[in-house]
N, C-alpha and C. Protein backbone atom coordinates (compact mmCIF):
# COMPACT_ATOMS: atom_id res chain seq x y z
N MET A 1 29.94 39.25 70.04
CA MET A 1 28.92 38.70 69.73
C MET A 1 27.44 39.12 68.97
N GLN A 2 27.19 40.22 69.94
CA GLN A 2 26.24 40.71 69.24
C GLN A 2 26.27 41.68 67.80
N ALA A 3 27.25 42.12 67.65
CA ALA A 3 27.50 43.06 66.46
C ALA A 3 27.11 42.13 65.31
N TYR A 4 27.51 40.82 65.34
CA TYR A 4 27.56 39.45 64.21
C TYR A 4 25.93 39.08 64.34
N SER A 5 25.05 39.59 64.89
CA SER A 5 23.66 38.98 65.41
C SER A 5 23.73 37.53 65.88
N TYR A 6 25.14 37.07 66.49
CA TYR A 6 25.21 35.48 67.34
C TYR A 6 25.28 34.81 66.06
N ARG A 7 25.83 34.86 65.28
CA ARG A 7 26.37 33.88 64.03
C ARG A 7 28.08 34.69 63.81
N CYS A 8 27.96 32.87 62.66
CA CYS A 8 29.69 32.63 62.59
C CYS A 8 29.61 33.84 61.22
N ALA A 9 31.05 34.56 61.34
CA ALA A 9 31.16 35.34 60.11
C ALA A 9 31.43 34.76 58.81
N VAL A 10 32.12 33.43 59.38
CA VAL A 10 32.40 32.82 57.71
C VAL A 10 31.21 31.55 57.44
N CYS A 11 30.57 30.86 58.02
CA CYS A 11 29.18 30.19 57.61
C CYS A 11 27.82 30.86 58.02
N GLY A 12 28.18 31.39 59.26
CA GLY A 12 26.65 32.21 59.49
C GLY A 12 25.73 31.25 60.03
N CYS A 13 26.22 30.14 60.82
CA CYS A 13 26.28 29.46 61.72
C CYS A 13 25.74 30.16 63.19
N ALA A 14 24.31 29.80 63.95
CA ALA A 14 24.06 30.26 65.51
C ALA A 14 24.28 29.04 66.08
N LEU A 15 23.11 28.35 66.38
CA LEU A 15 23.39 27.40 66.97
C LEU A 15 23.60 27.42 68.43
N LYS A 16 24.01 28.36 69.16
CA LYS A 16 24.80 28.57 70.18
C LYS A 16 26.14 27.99 69.89
N LEU A 17 26.62 27.98 68.87
CA LEU A 17 27.87 27.22 69.06
C LEU A 17 28.54 28.39 68.46
N VAL A 18 28.39 29.42 68.76
CA VAL A 18 29.23 30.88 68.17
C VAL A 18 30.33 31.51 69.46
N ASP A 19 31.22 31.38 69.16
CA ASP A 19 32.18 32.17 70.09
C ASP A 19 32.65 33.17 69.50
N ALA A 20 33.36 34.35 70.21
CA ALA A 20 34.40 35.35 70.33
C ALA A 20 35.67 35.10 70.28
N ALA A 21 36.12 35.35 68.86
CA ALA A 21 37.63 34.93 68.64
C ALA A 21 38.58 36.19 68.42
N HIS A 22 39.22 36.37 69.13
CA HIS A 22 40.15 37.76 69.08
C HIS A 22 41.03 37.52 67.99
N ILE A 23 40.96 38.49 66.87
CA ILE A 23 42.07 38.82 65.77
C ILE A 23 43.08 39.20 66.15
N VAL A 24 43.42 39.76 67.07
CA VAL A 24 44.88 39.84 67.54
C VAL A 24 45.26 38.99 68.81
N PRO A 25 45.54 37.85 69.13
CA PRO A 25 45.72 36.97 69.98
C PRO A 25 45.92 37.80 71.20
N VAL A 26 45.04 37.35 72.27
CA VAL A 26 45.43 38.02 73.88
C VAL A 26 46.71 38.15 74.32
N ALA A 27 47.99 37.20 73.83
CA ALA A 27 48.97 37.39 74.40
C ALA A 27 49.88 38.31 73.40
N TYR A 28 49.48 39.10 72.88
CA TYR A 28 50.36 39.96 71.87
C TYR A 28 49.68 41.42 72.58
N PRO A 29 50.67 42.34 72.64
CA PRO A 29 50.30 44.15 73.42
C PRO A 29 49.54 44.58 72.68
N GLN A 30 49.18 44.61 71.67
CA GLN A 30 48.14 45.05 70.55
C GLN A 30 46.75 44.75 70.76
N SER A 31 46.50 43.99 71.52
CA SER A 31 45.26 42.78 71.60
C SER A 31 44.30 43.64 72.43
N THR A 32 43.13 43.66 71.97
CA THR A 32 42.19 44.41 73.36
C THR A 32 40.89 43.56 72.88
N ASP A 33 40.07 44.06 74.04
CA ASP A 33 38.63 43.26 74.02
C ASP A 33 37.65 44.36 73.22
N GLU A 34 38.25 44.97 72.46
CA GLU A 34 37.26 45.84 71.46
C GLU A 34 36.33 44.95 70.51
N VAL A 35 35.35 45.60 70.10
CA VAL A 35 34.06 44.71 69.09
C VAL A 35 35.17 44.53 67.53
N THR A 36 36.37 45.89 67.39
CA THR A 36 37.18 45.25 66.22
C THR A 36 38.20 45.07 66.40
N ASN A 37 38.37 44.03 67.56
CA ASN A 37 39.29 43.13 67.41
C ASN A 37 38.73 41.69 67.68
N GLY A 38 37.69 41.68 67.05
CA GLY A 38 37.05 40.32 67.25
C GLY A 38 36.43 39.87 66.10
N LEU A 39 35.95 38.36 66.05
CA LEU A 39 35.14 37.97 65.21
C LEU A 39 34.31 37.12 65.93
N ALA A 40 33.05 37.11 65.46
CA ALA A 40 32.05 36.14 65.69
C ALA A 40 32.47 34.89 64.88
N LEU A 41 32.91 33.54 65.47
CA LEU A 41 33.09 32.30 64.45
C LEU A 41 32.75 31.24 65.22
N CYS A 42 32.39 30.02 64.43
CA CYS A 42 31.53 28.90 65.26
C CYS A 42 32.72 28.40 65.62
N ARG A 43 32.81 26.91 66.01
CA ARG A 43 33.74 26.47 66.78
C ARG A 43 34.60 25.50 65.74
N LEU A 44 34.41 25.25 64.47
CA LEU A 44 35.11 24.99 63.72
C LEU A 44 36.03 25.89 63.32
N HIS A 45 35.48 26.97 62.40
CA HIS A 45 35.98 28.38 61.89
C HIS A 45 36.99 28.70 63.20
N HIS A 46 36.74 28.47 64.50
CA HIS A 46 37.23 29.58 65.60
C HIS A 46 38.46 28.58 65.43
N GLY A 47 38.21 27.54 65.61
CA GLY A 47 39.69 26.22 66.02
C GLY A 47 40.28 26.46 64.67
N ALA A 48 39.90 26.65 63.20
CA ALA A 48 40.48 26.52 62.42
C ALA A 48 41.84 28.37 62.16
N TYR A 49 40.64 29.04 62.97
CA TYR A 49 41.56 30.27 62.69
C TYR A 49 42.59 30.31 63.73
N ASP A 50 42.31 29.80 64.87
CA ASP A 50 43.57 30.05 66.16
C ASP A 50 44.56 28.85 65.20
N ASN A 51 44.58 28.16 64.78
CA ASN A 51 45.52 27.54 64.37
C ASN A 51 46.38 27.72 63.40
N GLY A 52 46.12 29.12 62.77
CA GLY A 52 46.46 29.40 61.21
C GLY A 52 46.40 28.46 60.06
N LEU A 53 45.38 28.03 60.34
CA LEU A 53 44.78 27.40 58.65
C LEU A 53 43.65 27.84 57.67
N LEU A 54 42.75 28.88 58.78
CA LEU A 54 42.08 30.13 58.14
C LEU A 54 42.29 31.42 58.15
N GLY A 55 42.15 32.22 57.32
CA GLY A 55 42.72 33.50 57.80
C GLY A 55 41.62 34.58 57.16
N VAL A 56 41.50 35.78 57.81
CA VAL A 56 41.05 36.76 57.11
C VAL A 56 41.93 38.10 56.47
N ARG A 57 41.91 37.97 55.50
CA ARG A 57 42.42 39.52 55.13
C ARG A 57 41.92 40.61 55.05
N SER A 58 42.69 41.84 55.42
CA SER A 58 42.32 43.21 55.74
C SER A 58 41.08 43.31 54.66
N ASP A 59 40.81 43.30 53.51
CA ASP A 59 40.02 43.24 52.65
C ASP A 59 38.84 42.42 53.08
N TYR A 60 38.51 41.38 54.29
CA TYR A 60 37.54 41.24 54.67
C TYR A 60 37.91 39.33 53.51
N GLY A 61 38.43 39.37 53.08
CA GLY A 61 38.73 37.80 52.04
C GLY A 61 38.89 36.70 53.29
N VAL A 62 38.56 35.58 52.74
CA VAL A 62 38.68 34.39 53.66
C VAL A 62 39.64 33.73 52.53
N MET A 63 40.89 33.25 53.56
CA MET A 63 41.98 32.09 52.82
C MET A 63 42.14 31.02 53.80
N VAL A 64 43.12 30.26 53.22
CA VAL A 64 43.35 28.80 54.00
C VAL A 64 44.88 29.05 53.63
N ASN A 65 45.75 28.47 54.51
CA ASN A 65 47.05 28.94 54.85
C ASN A 65 47.84 27.56 53.92
N PRO A 66 48.29 28.05 52.83
CA PRO A 66 48.83 26.59 52.15
C PRO A 66 49.75 25.73 53.28
N GLU A 67 50.79 26.56 53.90
CA GLU A 67 51.67 26.00 54.89
C GLU A 67 50.99 25.34 55.99
N THR A 68 49.92 25.63 56.24
CA THR A 68 49.58 24.81 57.19
C THR A 68 48.92 23.54 56.61
N ALA A 69 48.27 23.58 55.36
CA ALA A 69 47.61 22.40 54.97
C ALA A 69 48.30 21.92 54.21
N ASN A 70 49.52 21.95 54.11
CA ASN A 70 50.36 21.23 53.34
C ASN A 70 51.23 20.12 54.81
N ARG A 71 51.37 20.87 56.15
CA ARG A 71 51.70 20.17 57.24
C ARG A 71 50.48 19.17 57.60
N LEU A 72 49.58 19.98 57.71
CA LEU A 72 48.48 18.67 57.98
C LEU A 72 48.50 17.21 57.08
N ALA A 73 48.64 17.02 55.94
CA ALA A 73 48.37 16.54 54.67
C ALA A 73 50.10 15.80 55.05
N GLU A 74 51.30 16.35 55.02
CA GLU A 74 52.09 15.51 55.87
C GLU A 74 52.07 14.58 57.24
N LEU A 75 51.08 15.29 57.46
CA LEU A 75 50.56 14.37 59.21
C LEU A 75 49.61 13.39 58.93
N GLN A 76 49.08 13.11 57.70
CA GLN A 76 48.20 12.40 57.54
C GLN A 76 46.80 12.85 57.97
N LEU A 77 46.60 14.28 58.42
CA LEU A 77 45.56 14.88 59.00
C LEU A 77 44.78 15.91 58.19
N ALA A 78 44.91 15.55 56.73
CA ALA A 78 43.91 16.32 55.63
C ALA A 78 42.74 16.07 55.13
N VAL A 79 41.79 14.96 56.09
CA VAL A 79 40.92 14.19 55.58
C VAL A 79 39.85 15.50 55.64
N GLY A 80 39.12 15.54 54.37
CA GLY A 80 37.88 16.70 54.80
C GLY A 80 38.27 18.24 54.41
N LEU A 81 39.84 18.52 53.78
CA LEU A 81 40.23 19.62 53.93
C LEU A 81 39.84 20.22 52.81
N GLU A 82 39.49 19.61 51.28
CA GLU A 82 38.87 19.86 50.31
C GLU A 82 37.67 20.26 50.69
N ALA A 83 36.85 19.38 51.19
CA ALA A 83 35.44 20.11 51.59
C ALA A 83 35.28 21.35 52.72
N PHE A 84 36.04 21.47 53.39
CA PHE A 84 36.26 22.50 54.62
C PHE A 84 36.51 23.67 53.14
N LYS A 85 37.75 23.52 52.37
CA LYS A 85 37.72 24.45 51.69
C LYS A 85 36.75 24.95 50.61
N ALA A 86 36.11 24.28 50.05
CA ALA A 86 34.93 24.77 49.23
C ALA A 86 33.97 25.01 49.89
N ARG A 87 33.52 24.62 50.86
CA ARG A 87 32.35 25.41 51.68
C ARG A 87 32.63 26.93 52.23
N LEU A 88 33.90 27.67 52.07
CA LEU A 88 34.61 28.72 52.29
C LEU A 88 33.76 29.95 51.45
N PRO A 89 33.48 30.86 52.11
CA PRO A 89 33.10 31.82 51.21
C PRO A 89 34.25 32.77 50.77
N ALA A 90 34.14 33.74 49.84
CA ALA A 90 35.20 34.65 49.53
C ALA A 90 35.40 35.52 50.55
N GLN A 91 34.13 36.13 51.11
CA GLN A 91 34.25 36.97 52.51
C GLN A 91 33.77 36.63 53.58
N ILE A 92 34.22 37.12 54.97
CA ILE A 92 33.01 37.24 55.76
C ILE A 92 32.58 38.16 55.81
N THR A 93 30.99 37.87 56.99
CA THR A 93 29.85 38.63 56.81
C THR A 93 30.44 39.59 57.87
N CYS A 94 30.25 40.69 57.50
CA CYS A 94 30.68 41.84 58.37
C CYS A 94 29.61 42.40 59.25
N PRO A 95 29.84 43.01 60.33
CA PRO A 95 28.66 43.62 61.43
C PRO A 95 27.77 44.86 60.36
N ALA A 96 26.38 44.80 60.41
CA ALA A 96 26.28 46.03 59.78
C ALA A 96 26.84 47.68 60.19
N SER A 97 27.14 47.62 61.39
CA SER A 97 27.65 48.54 61.81
C SER A 97 29.25 48.77 61.33
N ILE A 98 29.31 49.76 60.66
CA ILE A 98 30.44 50.26 60.38
C ILE A 98 31.50 50.25 61.55
N GLU A 99 31.07 50.92 62.86
CA GLU A 99 31.85 50.85 63.66
C GLU A 99 32.49 49.59 64.77
N ALA A 100 31.77 48.38 64.28
CA ALA A 100 31.88 47.14 64.70
C ALA A 100 32.79 45.92 64.02
N ARG A 101 32.83 46.94 62.91
CA ARG A 101 33.85 45.92 61.57
C ARG A 101 34.81 45.58 62.13
N PRO A 102 35.51 44.53 61.81
CA PRO A 102 37.28 44.39 62.35
C PRO A 102 37.93 45.18 61.49
N GLU A 103 39.19 45.48 62.44
CA GLU A 103 39.70 46.73 62.14
C GLU A 103 40.66 46.22 60.87
N PRO A 104 40.87 46.59 59.80
CA PRO A 104 42.24 46.28 58.64
C PRO A 104 43.23 45.76 59.59
N GLY A 105 43.50 46.94 59.92
CA GLY A 105 45.42 46.72 60.56
C GLY A 105 45.27 45.75 61.40
N LYS A 106 44.50 45.32 62.57
CA LYS A 106 44.28 44.18 63.29
C LYS A 106 44.50 43.00 62.50
N LEU A 107 43.45 42.94 61.55
CA LEU A 107 43.39 41.52 60.90
C LEU A 107 45.16 41.36 60.46
N VAL A 108 45.55 41.92 59.89
CA VAL A 108 47.08 42.14 59.60
C VAL A 108 47.97 41.64 60.38
N ILE A 109 47.58 42.12 61.38
CA ILE A 109 48.56 42.15 62.55
C ILE A 109 48.14 40.89 63.33
N GLY A 110 46.93 39.87 63.08
CA GLY A 110 46.51 38.55 63.60
C GLY A 110 46.61 37.74 62.59
N LEU A 111 46.98 37.89 61.39
CA LEU A 111 47.78 36.77 60.58
C LEU A 111 49.09 36.88 60.83
N ARG A 112 50.03 38.06 61.12
CA ARG A 112 51.56 37.94 61.47
C ARG A 112 51.56 36.98 62.55
N ALA A 113 50.69 37.35 63.51
CA ALA A 113 51.06 36.82 65.17
C ALA A 113 50.82 35.02 64.77
N ARG A 114 49.80 34.67 63.69
CA ARG A 114 49.52 33.41 63.63
C ARG A 114 50.91 32.49 62.74
N ARG A 115 51.63 33.61 61.99
CA ARG A 115 52.61 33.14 61.17
C ARG A 115 52.20 33.21 59.79
N TRP A 116 51.28 33.66 59.42
CA TRP A 116 51.05 33.33 57.84
C TRP A 116 52.10 33.84 57.02
N PRO A 117 52.53 33.31 55.74
CA PRO A 117 53.34 33.79 54.99
C PRO A 117 53.13 34.91 54.95
N ASP A 118 54.48 35.95 54.54
CA ASP A 118 54.53 37.48 54.29
C ASP A 118 53.21 37.70 53.16
N ASP A 119 53.76 36.90 51.91
CA ASP A 119 52.98 37.17 50.59
C ASP A 119 51.29 36.84 50.75
N LEU A 120 50.94 36.33 51.72
CA LEU A 120 49.64 36.21 51.96
C LEU A 120 48.85 37.11 52.87
N VAL A 121 49.88 38.06 53.44
CA VAL A 121 49.05 39.28 54.36
C VAL A 121 49.19 40.19 53.83
N ALA A 122 47.54 40.56 53.54
CA ALA A 122 47.73 41.81 53.33
C ALA A 122 46.57 42.66 53.96
């Protein structure tokens, strides 16, 4: 959290609403508690990340999972999705320290663990 100045890597929000999110989920053998396996995310973006709606590519680009978005639409739970997508930045804000930045390989593993389509995992 300190590496991110206690701000969400996606939206920059602080307000004591920011959590440490594992990139590689805790249940996976490759998961660690190292700073390079973490993102500081506000509660909205943390939930979207853990549920596979929001993803971060190995180049730190931010994306929305079209399969998850389609499932939400089918369930009639997509209200607000367009506004959510419109507010996303092209990339996350990484820690200033290169050593504290998310490890690109872990970002790929994290996307695969959350069942992202192979063509979006990079």
